[in-house]
N, C-alpha and C. Protein backbone atom coordinates (compact mmCIF):
# COMPACT_ATOMS: atom_id res chain seq x y z
N MET A 1 26.44 -68.38 -17.74
CA MET A 1 25.20 -67.77 -17.37
C MET A 1 25.10 -67.69 -15.82
N ALA A 2 24.87 -66.59 -15.40
CA ALA A 2 24.54 -66.14 -14.03
C ALA A 2 22.98 -66.31 -13.61
N ARG A 3 22.81 -66.56 -12.18
CA ARG A 3 21.58 -66.59 -11.74
C ARG A 3 21.28 -65.13 -11.00
N ALA A 4 20.25 -64.50 -11.61
CA ALA A 4 20.20 -63.10 -10.82
C ALA A 4 18.57 -63.25 -10.21
N CYS A 5 18.51 -62.88 -9.07
CA CYS A 5 17.43 -62.73 -8.32
C CYS A 5 16.97 -61.31 -8.31
N LEU A 6 15.73 -61.05 -8.60
CA LEU A 6 15.12 -59.87 -8.81
C LEU A 6 13.86 -59.77 -7.76
N SER A 7 13.74 -58.47 -7.33
CA SER A 7 12.61 -57.91 -6.55
C SER A 7 11.68 -56.95 -7.49
N LEU A 8 10.35 -57.36 -7.62
CA LEU A 8 9.48 -56.39 -8.40
C LEU A 8 8.34 -55.98 -7.47
N GLY A 9 8.02 -54.58 -7.71
CA GLY A 9 6.99 -54.10 -6.95
C GLY A 9 6.34 -52.94 -7.73
N SER A 10 5.24 -52.66 -7.48
CA SER A 10 4.55 -51.52 -7.98
C SER A 10 3.28 -51.14 -7.14
N ASN A 11 2.86 -49.80 -7.09
CA ASN A 11 1.59 -49.44 -6.41
C ASN A 11 0.84 -48.66 -7.11
N LEU A 12 1.23 -48.23 -8.47
CA LEU A 12 0.34 -47.55 -9.37
C LEU A 12 0.05 -48.41 -10.54
N GLU A 13 -1.44 -48.68 -10.61
CA GLU A 13 -1.72 -49.64 -11.56
C GLU A 13 -0.77 -50.95 -11.53
N PRO A 14 -0.67 -51.54 -10.45
CA PRO A 14 0.40 -52.67 -10.08
C PRO A 14 0.10 -54.03 -10.96
N GLU A 15 -1.07 -54.37 -11.02
CA GLU A 15 -1.31 -55.51 -11.94
C GLU A 15 -0.87 -55.60 -13.38
N ALA A 16 -1.25 -54.28 -14.06
CA ALA A 16 -0.76 -54.18 -15.29
C ALA A 16 0.71 -54.07 -15.54
N HIS A 17 1.37 -53.31 -14.53
CA HIS A 17 2.79 -53.11 -14.72
C HIS A 17 3.45 -54.35 -14.23
N LEU A 18 3.05 -55.17 -13.28
CA LEU A 18 3.94 -56.41 -13.04
C LEU A 18 3.81 -57.39 -14.20
N ARG A 19 2.50 -57.68 -14.62
CA ARG A 19 2.30 -58.42 -15.67
C ARG A 19 3.33 -57.90 -17.09
N SER A 20 3.30 -56.98 -17.34
CA SER A 20 4.00 -56.43 -18.60
C SER A 20 5.53 -56.60 -18.09
N ALA A 21 5.96 -56.25 -16.94
CA ALA A 21 7.32 -56.27 -16.49
C ALA A 21 7.71 -57.95 -16.64
N ILE A 22 6.89 -58.83 -16.13
CA ILE A 22 7.38 -60.36 -16.34
C ILE A 22 7.40 -60.77 -17.72
N ALA A 23 6.38 -60.22 -18.47
CA ALA A 23 6.46 -60.54 -19.86
C ALA A 23 7.76 -60.03 -20.56
N ALA A 24 8.12 -58.77 -20.22
CA ALA A 24 9.47 -58.17 -20.75
C ALA A 24 10.61 -59.11 -20.34
N LEU A 25 10.63 -59.62 -19.05
CA LEU A 25 11.76 -60.31 -18.58
C LEU A 25 11.81 -61.69 -19.34
N ARG A 26 10.51 -62.31 -19.64
CA ARG A 26 10.53 -63.62 -20.36
C ARG A 26 10.88 -63.43 -21.77
N ALA A 27 10.65 -62.28 -22.39
CA ALA A 27 11.05 -61.96 -23.75
C ALA A 27 12.42 -61.59 -23.94
N ARG A 28 13.13 -61.27 -23.02
CA ARG A 28 14.70 -60.91 -22.79
C ARG A 28 15.20 -62.18 -22.49
N PHE A 29 14.82 -62.99 -21.41
CA PHE A 29 15.60 -63.92 -20.70
C PHE A 29 15.13 -65.33 -20.70
N GLY A 30 14.05 -65.62 -21.40
CA GLY A 30 13.57 -66.77 -21.66
C GLY A 30 12.69 -67.23 -20.32
N GLN A 31 12.96 -68.33 -20.04
CA GLN A 31 12.35 -68.88 -18.70
C GLN A 31 12.56 -68.12 -17.40
N VAL A 32 11.47 -67.68 -16.81
CA VAL A 32 11.59 -66.75 -15.58
C VAL A 32 10.78 -67.52 -14.57
N ARG A 33 11.51 -67.75 -13.45
CA ARG A 33 10.68 -68.29 -12.35
C ARG A 33 10.09 -67.04 -11.50
N VAL A 34 8.87 -66.99 -11.24
CA VAL A 34 8.20 -65.92 -10.65
C VAL A 34 7.46 -66.49 -9.50
N SER A 35 7.67 -65.70 -8.14
CA SER A 35 7.02 -65.90 -7.08
C SER A 35 5.52 -65.73 -6.98
N GLN A 36 5.07 -66.22 -6.01
CA GLN A 36 3.53 -65.67 -5.71
C GLN A 36 3.66 -64.17 -5.62
N VAL A 37 2.51 -63.36 -5.98
CA VAL A 37 2.45 -62.02 -5.78
C VAL A 37 1.80 -61.63 -4.46
N TYR A 38 2.33 -60.78 -3.69
CA TYR A 38 1.83 -60.39 -2.36
C TYR A 38 1.41 -58.85 -2.27
N ARG A 39 0.38 -58.64 -1.68
CA ARG A 39 0.00 -57.17 -1.19
C ARG A 39 0.72 -56.97 -0.06
N THR A 40 1.55 -55.77 0.00
CA THR A 40 2.09 -55.32 1.21
C THR A 40 1.79 -53.75 1.26
N ARG A 41 1.97 -53.43 2.63
CA ARG A 41 1.94 -51.93 2.82
C ARG A 41 3.15 -51.28 2.29
N ALA A 42 2.94 -49.96 2.06
CA ALA A 42 4.01 -49.13 1.68
C ALA A 42 5.08 -49.05 2.69
N VAL A 43 6.40 -49.19 2.50
CA VAL A 43 7.44 -48.82 3.58
C VAL A 43 8.24 -47.89 3.13
N GLY A 44 8.07 -46.85 4.30
CA GLY A 44 9.05 -45.52 4.29
C GLY A 44 8.17 -44.48 3.76
N PHE A 45 6.88 -44.57 3.52
CA PHE A 45 5.89 -43.61 3.35
C PHE A 45 4.53 -43.96 3.36
N ASP A 46 3.60 -42.88 3.62
CA ASP A 46 2.33 -43.38 3.51
C ASP A 46 1.91 -43.36 1.81
N GLY A 47 1.32 -44.53 1.49
CA GLY A 47 0.87 -44.62 0.06
C GLY A 47 0.10 -45.74 -0.05
N ASP A 48 -0.47 -46.06 -1.27
CA ASP A 48 -1.22 -47.12 -1.43
C ASP A 48 -0.54 -48.35 -1.34
N ASP A 49 -1.10 -49.49 -1.04
CA ASP A 49 -0.53 -50.75 -1.01
C ASP A 49 0.36 -51.17 -2.21
N PHE A 50 1.35 -52.07 -2.06
CA PHE A 50 2.06 -52.35 -3.29
C PHE A 50 1.84 -53.61 -3.39
N LEU A 51 2.00 -54.39 -4.69
CA LEU A 51 1.99 -55.64 -5.23
C LEU A 51 3.41 -55.86 -5.32
N ASN A 52 3.97 -57.09 -4.68
CA ASN A 52 5.30 -57.35 -4.79
C ASN A 52 5.49 -58.79 -5.18
N ALA A 53 6.60 -59.14 -5.88
CA ALA A 53 7.03 -60.51 -6.31
C ALA A 53 8.44 -60.55 -6.43
N ALA A 54 8.81 -61.77 -6.81
CA ALA A 54 10.36 -62.00 -7.11
C ALA A 54 10.46 -62.74 -8.41
N ALA A 55 11.58 -62.60 -8.93
CA ALA A 55 11.83 -63.54 -10.20
C ALA A 55 13.18 -63.78 -10.22
N VAL A 56 13.54 -64.88 -10.79
CA VAL A 56 14.72 -65.50 -11.01
C VAL A 56 15.06 -65.70 -12.42
N VAL A 57 16.13 -65.02 -12.84
CA VAL A 57 16.43 -65.28 -14.36
C VAL A 57 17.83 -65.66 -14.44
N GLU A 58 18.15 -66.45 -15.55
CA GLU A 58 19.65 -66.81 -16.07
C GLU A 58 20.00 -65.79 -17.16
N THR A 59 21.13 -65.10 -16.91
CA THR A 59 21.44 -64.22 -17.75
C THR A 59 22.86 -64.29 -18.10
N ASP A 60 23.21 -63.60 -19.41
CA ASP A 60 24.43 -63.48 -19.86
C ASP A 60 24.97 -62.00 -19.59
N LEU A 61 24.10 -61.15 -18.97
CA LEU A 61 24.66 -59.80 -18.72
C LEU A 61 25.41 -59.81 -17.47
N GLU A 62 26.40 -59.01 -17.47
CA GLU A 62 27.19 -58.74 -16.24
C GLU A 62 26.27 -57.82 -15.40
N PRO A 63 26.48 -57.87 -14.06
CA PRO A 63 25.62 -57.12 -13.16
C PRO A 63 25.39 -55.55 -13.55
N GLU A 64 26.27 -54.66 -14.09
CA GLU A 64 26.17 -53.53 -14.48
C GLU A 64 25.07 -53.24 -15.61
N ALA A 65 25.21 -54.17 -16.60
CA ALA A 65 24.47 -53.97 -17.68
C ALA A 65 23.05 -54.58 -17.38
N LEU A 66 22.81 -55.52 -16.56
CA LEU A 66 21.72 -55.94 -16.25
C LEU A 66 20.94 -54.92 -15.45
N ASP A 67 21.45 -54.36 -14.49
CA ASP A 67 21.00 -53.07 -13.68
C ASP A 67 20.67 -52.20 -14.72
N ALA A 68 21.35 -51.78 -15.78
CA ALA A 68 20.95 -50.74 -16.79
C ALA A 68 19.76 -51.12 -17.44
N TRP A 69 19.53 -52.40 -17.66
CA TRP A 69 18.52 -52.97 -18.57
C TRP A 69 17.27 -52.92 -17.67
N LEU A 70 17.41 -53.18 -16.39
CA LEU A 70 16.28 -53.10 -15.45
C LEU A 70 15.71 -51.70 -15.27
N HIS A 71 16.68 -50.71 -15.17
CA HIS A 71 16.26 -49.41 -15.19
C HIS A 71 15.45 -48.94 -16.36
N ALA A 72 16.10 -49.34 -17.59
CA ALA A 72 15.31 -48.91 -18.78
C ALA A 72 13.98 -49.68 -18.88
N LEU A 73 13.80 -50.97 -18.13
CA LEU A 73 12.51 -51.45 -18.01
C LEU A 73 11.63 -50.48 -17.35
N GLU A 74 12.00 -50.14 -16.14
CA GLU A 74 11.29 -49.23 -15.17
C GLU A 74 10.84 -47.89 -16.01
N ASP A 75 11.92 -47.38 -16.58
CA ASP A 75 11.56 -46.07 -17.50
C ASP A 75 10.54 -46.25 -18.36
N ALA A 76 10.47 -47.51 -19.21
CA ALA A 76 9.57 -47.88 -20.13
C ALA A 76 8.00 -47.96 -19.57
N HIS A 77 7.96 -48.15 -18.20
CA HIS A 77 6.71 -48.30 -17.45
C HIS A 77 6.49 -46.78 -16.91
N GLY A 78 7.13 -45.89 -17.23
CA GLY A 78 6.63 -44.54 -16.68
C GLY A 78 7.30 -44.26 -15.16
N ARG A 79 8.42 -44.94 -14.76
CA ARG A 79 9.04 -44.78 -13.43
C ARG A 79 9.41 -43.23 -13.49
N ASP A 80 9.02 -42.58 -12.33
CA ASP A 80 9.46 -41.12 -12.04
C ASP A 80 10.63 -41.29 -11.00
N ARG A 81 11.77 -40.83 -11.52
CA ARG A 81 12.78 -40.89 -10.26
C ARG A 81 12.85 -39.31 -9.77
N SER A 82 12.26 -38.47 -10.24
CA SER A 82 12.50 -37.20 -9.65
C SER A 82 12.02 -36.75 -8.16
N GLY A 83 11.11 -37.71 -7.58
CA GLY A 83 10.62 -37.48 -6.32
C GLY A 83 11.40 -38.08 -5.06
N PRO A 84 10.90 -38.05 -3.99
CA PRO A 84 11.68 -38.81 -2.88
C PRO A 84 11.98 -40.07 -3.14
N ARG A 85 12.98 -40.74 -2.41
CA ARG A 85 13.36 -42.12 -2.75
C ARG A 85 12.23 -42.98 -2.40
N PHE A 86 11.54 -42.73 -1.28
CA PHE A 86 10.31 -43.60 -0.95
C PHE A 86 9.17 -42.71 -1.35
N GLY A 87 8.39 -43.49 -2.57
CA GLY A 87 7.20 -42.92 -2.88
C GLY A 87 6.47 -43.84 -3.81
N ASP A 88 5.51 -43.58 -4.36
CA ASP A 88 4.66 -44.31 -5.30
C ASP A 88 5.52 -44.64 -6.53
N ARG A 89 5.23 -45.90 -6.97
CA ARG A 89 5.89 -46.34 -8.19
C ARG A 89 5.13 -46.98 -9.27
N THR A 90 5.28 -46.78 -10.54
CA THR A 90 4.53 -47.64 -11.60
C THR A 90 5.30 -49.00 -11.40
N LEU A 91 6.74 -49.01 -11.44
CA LEU A 91 7.44 -50.24 -11.61
C LEU A 91 8.83 -50.09 -10.70
N ASP A 92 9.12 -51.03 -9.85
CA ASP A 92 10.39 -51.06 -9.35
C ASP A 92 10.99 -52.36 -9.37
N VAL A 93 12.06 -52.60 -10.28
CA VAL A 93 12.67 -53.81 -10.30
C VAL A 93 14.06 -53.78 -9.86
N ASP A 94 14.38 -54.50 -8.78
CA ASP A 94 15.97 -54.30 -8.24
C ASP A 94 16.54 -55.74 -8.44
N LEU A 95 17.82 -55.60 -8.79
CA LEU A 95 18.73 -56.70 -8.72
C LEU A 95 19.19 -56.99 -7.39
N VAL A 96 18.77 -57.92 -6.65
CA VAL A 96 19.13 -58.36 -5.32
C VAL A 96 20.12 -59.12 -5.09
N LEU A 97 20.40 -60.20 -5.81
CA LEU A 97 21.40 -61.31 -5.91
C LEU A 97 21.87 -61.28 -7.19
N TYR A 98 23.31 -61.75 -7.39
CA TYR A 98 23.80 -62.01 -8.72
C TYR A 98 24.84 -63.09 -8.37
N ASP A 99 24.25 -64.32 -8.64
CA ASP A 99 25.04 -65.51 -8.20
C ASP A 99 25.45 -65.33 -6.63
N GLU A 100 26.79 -65.49 -6.34
CA GLU A 100 27.20 -65.39 -4.97
C GLU A 100 28.14 -64.21 -4.88
N ARG A 101 27.93 -63.14 -5.92
CA ARG A 101 28.80 -62.01 -5.98
C ARG A 101 28.47 -60.80 -5.13
N VAL A 102 29.28 -60.24 -4.77
CA VAL A 102 29.22 -58.84 -3.93
C VAL A 102 29.69 -57.67 -4.99
N VAL A 103 28.73 -56.87 -5.26
CA VAL A 103 28.88 -55.89 -6.24
C VAL A 103 28.52 -54.48 -5.93
N GLU A 104 29.42 -53.48 -6.12
CA GLU A 104 29.14 -52.08 -5.88
C GLU A 104 29.47 -51.42 -7.18
N GLY A 105 28.56 -50.65 -7.71
CA GLY A 105 28.60 -50.28 -9.07
C GLY A 105 28.02 -48.54 -9.10
N PRO A 106 27.90 -48.26 -10.29
CA PRO A 106 27.44 -46.85 -10.62
C PRO A 106 26.09 -46.67 -9.98
N GLY A 107 25.72 -45.43 -9.81
CA GLY A 107 24.36 -45.44 -9.30
C GLY A 107 23.89 -46.02 -7.97
N HIS A 108 22.87 -46.58 -7.89
CA HIS A 108 22.47 -47.26 -6.82
C HIS A 108 22.87 -48.80 -6.70
N LEU A 109 23.53 -49.23 -7.61
CA LEU A 109 23.99 -50.72 -7.79
C LEU A 109 24.78 -51.12 -6.59
N ARG A 110 24.10 -52.08 -5.76
CA ARG A 110 24.59 -52.60 -4.65
C ARG A 110 23.93 -54.10 -4.64
N VAL A 111 24.87 -55.20 -4.87
CA VAL A 111 24.33 -56.44 -4.63
C VAL A 111 25.19 -57.10 -3.41
N PRO A 112 24.70 -57.76 -2.49
CA PRO A 112 23.24 -57.92 -2.34
C PRO A 112 22.56 -56.69 -1.89
N ARG A 113 21.28 -56.51 -2.19
CA ARG A 113 20.67 -55.36 -1.93
C ARG A 113 20.19 -55.45 -0.42
N ASP A 114 20.44 -54.15 0.27
CA ASP A 114 20.05 -54.08 1.62
C ASP A 114 18.52 -54.36 1.78
N GLU A 115 17.76 -54.18 0.90
CA GLU A 115 16.29 -54.41 1.07
C GLU A 115 16.00 -55.93 1.20
N LEU A 116 17.03 -56.87 1.08
CA LEU A 116 16.71 -58.17 1.16
C LEU A 116 16.22 -58.46 2.74
N ARG A 117 16.59 -57.63 3.69
CA ARG A 117 16.10 -57.68 5.04
C ARG A 117 14.61 -57.58 5.14
N HIS A 118 13.77 -56.96 4.22
CA HIS A 118 12.56 -56.71 4.13
C HIS A 118 11.88 -58.06 3.91
N ALA A 119 10.56 -58.30 4.35
CA ALA A 119 9.77 -59.46 4.20
C ALA A 119 9.31 -59.43 2.72
N PHE A 120 8.97 -58.05 2.12
CA PHE A 120 8.22 -58.04 0.75
C PHE A 120 9.61 -58.61 -0.26
N VAL A 121 10.57 -58.37 0.06
CA VAL A 121 11.84 -58.87 -0.84
C VAL A 121 12.07 -60.38 -0.46
N LEU A 122 12.43 -60.76 0.77
CA LEU A 122 12.82 -61.96 1.20
C LEU A 122 11.98 -63.08 1.03
N ARG A 123 10.73 -62.88 1.43
CA ARG A 123 9.69 -64.07 1.37
C ARG A 123 9.66 -64.49 0.10
N PRO A 124 9.04 -63.72 -1.05
CA PRO A 124 9.08 -64.11 -2.33
C PRO A 124 10.31 -64.75 -3.07
N LEU A 125 11.46 -64.14 -2.66
CA LEU A 125 12.64 -64.88 -3.10
C LEU A 125 12.94 -66.22 -2.54
N ALA A 126 12.85 -66.29 -1.30
CA ALA A 126 12.90 -67.58 -0.51
C ALA A 126 12.15 -68.61 -1.04
N GLU A 127 11.08 -68.15 -1.51
CA GLU A 127 9.97 -69.12 -1.96
C GLU A 127 10.48 -69.82 -3.39
N ILE A 128 11.09 -69.06 -4.21
CA ILE A 128 11.50 -69.56 -5.53
C ILE A 128 12.87 -70.00 -5.70
N ALA A 129 13.62 -69.37 -4.71
CA ALA A 129 15.36 -69.64 -4.89
C ALA A 129 15.54 -69.96 -3.25
N PRO A 130 15.13 -70.81 -2.72
CA PRO A 130 15.42 -71.17 -1.22
C PRO A 130 16.77 -71.54 -1.06
N ASP A 131 17.73 -71.92 -2.03
CA ASP A 131 19.01 -72.45 -2.06
C ASP A 131 20.14 -71.27 -2.34
N ALA A 132 19.64 -70.03 -2.83
CA ALA A 132 20.42 -69.12 -3.21
C ALA A 132 21.20 -68.49 -1.80
N VAL A 133 22.43 -68.26 -1.93
CA VAL A 133 23.16 -67.80 -0.91
C VAL A 133 23.58 -66.45 -1.06
N GLU A 134 23.14 -65.70 0.22
CA GLU A 134 23.59 -64.42 0.38
C GLU A 134 24.95 -64.31 0.77
N PRO A 135 25.82 -63.72 -0.11
CA PRO A 135 27.23 -63.90 -0.03
C PRO A 135 27.89 -63.35 1.23
N ARG A 136 27.26 -62.27 1.79
CA ARG A 136 28.08 -61.53 2.82
C ARG A 136 27.81 -62.58 4.22
N SER A 137 26.63 -63.25 4.34
CA SER A 137 26.36 -63.91 5.38
C SER A 137 26.78 -65.54 5.37
N GLY A 138 26.77 -65.88 4.01
CA GLY A 138 26.92 -67.15 3.55
C GLY A 138 25.62 -68.25 3.92
N ARG A 139 24.67 -67.64 4.03
CA ARG A 139 23.31 -68.27 4.55
C ARG A 139 22.39 -68.18 3.33
N THR A 140 21.62 -69.31 3.19
CA THR A 140 20.56 -69.37 2.11
C THR A 140 19.59 -68.53 2.23
N LEU A 141 18.63 -68.25 1.33
CA LEU A 141 17.50 -67.22 1.49
C LEU A 141 16.51 -67.98 2.37
N ALA A 142 16.42 -69.33 2.34
CA ALA A 142 15.51 -70.08 3.27
C ALA A 142 15.94 -70.03 4.56
N GLN A 143 17.34 -69.99 4.94
CA GLN A 143 17.68 -69.79 6.32
C GLN A 143 17.52 -68.31 6.80
N LEU A 144 17.66 -67.44 5.87
CA LEU A 144 17.57 -65.89 6.15
C LEU A 144 15.94 -65.76 6.43
N TRP A 145 14.98 -66.32 5.74
CA TRP A 145 13.65 -66.19 6.01
C TRP A 145 13.12 -66.81 7.17
N ALA A 146 13.67 -68.09 7.56
CA ALA A 146 13.33 -68.68 8.62
C ALA A 146 13.76 -68.10 9.98
N THR A 147 14.68 -67.19 9.93
CA THR A 147 15.22 -66.38 11.09
C THR A 147 14.78 -65.01 11.02
N SER A 148 14.16 -64.39 10.05
CA SER A 148 13.74 -63.15 9.65
C SER A 148 13.01 -62.46 10.90
N GLN A 149 13.42 -61.20 11.23
CA GLN A 149 12.52 -60.44 12.18
C GLN A 149 11.23 -59.87 11.64
N GLU A 150 11.03 -60.21 10.23
CA GLU A 150 9.96 -59.56 9.70
C GLU A 150 9.06 -60.69 9.14
N ARG A 151 9.25 -61.92 9.66
CA ARG A 151 8.19 -63.04 9.57
C ARG A 151 6.73 -62.82 9.81
N ASP A 152 6.50 -61.95 10.67
CA ASP A 152 5.13 -61.62 11.03
C ASP A 152 4.58 -60.40 10.21
N VAL A 153 5.19 -59.68 9.38
CA VAL A 153 4.83 -58.70 8.72
C VAL A 153 3.73 -59.18 7.73
N ALA A 154 2.63 -58.34 7.79
CA ALA A 154 1.31 -58.67 7.11
C ALA A 154 1.68 -58.73 5.39
N MET A 155 1.59 -59.76 4.86
CA MET A 155 1.56 -59.97 3.26
C MET A 155 0.39 -60.97 2.93
N GLU A 156 -0.52 -60.25 2.28
CA GLU A 156 -1.52 -60.95 1.70
C GLU A 156 -1.22 -61.50 0.21
N ALA A 157 -1.42 -62.87 0.22
CA ALA A 157 -1.05 -63.53 -1.13
C ALA A 157 -2.25 -63.16 -2.15
N VAL A 158 -1.93 -62.61 -3.28
CA VAL A 158 -2.83 -62.11 -4.36
C VAL A 158 -3.32 -63.33 -4.98
N THR A 159 -4.54 -63.63 -4.74
CA THR A 159 -5.10 -64.90 -5.51
C THR A 159 -5.54 -64.48 -7.17
N GLY A 160 -5.43 -65.27 -7.98
CA GLY A 160 -5.72 -65.08 -9.17
C GLY A 160 -5.06 -64.22 -10.10
N PHE A 161 -3.75 -63.94 -9.64
CA PHE A 161 -2.94 -63.14 -10.38
C PHE A 161 -2.19 -64.03 -11.29
N ASP A 162 -2.26 -63.78 -12.60
CA ASP A 162 -1.73 -64.86 -13.71
C ASP A 162 -0.60 -63.88 -14.53
N ALA A 163 0.67 -64.41 -14.08
CA ALA A 163 1.75 -63.53 -14.62
C ALA A 163 2.00 -63.98 -15.95
N ALA A 164 1.47 -65.09 -16.45
CA ALA A 164 1.78 -65.63 -17.80
C ALA A 164 1.77 -64.60 -19.13
């Protein structure tokens, strides 16, 4: 079994889509560690705020198969891939880390994800998997967050969000 670190986000009916996505992850993978949910501004475009979270799953799927499963999950939530890369989303679930492997595969499969540098990905992941190692730098997520240039980015913790 491998440990996969995921980033989740939505700015279109975000609470419903995140709850549903977390439920689907639990149905497929069993126990899922989920971070605090944060409200953040859209990055790369003018749009409604996002709700972002992170999840850690133990998986028997290889990275390519896991990535395909995550894309199918996004599609089941009405994800529209026809627009610009940066735009409103019903659901965005990215495979950020997969054990300590570096993976480049079909489509946009790149592990570790470049988005790990952003606070909306790094902070929630460091919260639930501080010991996970980013394989290119050899540094833990806790170390990366402690020295992140985005530590001051506004991220409002969403109180009362029940992912159960």
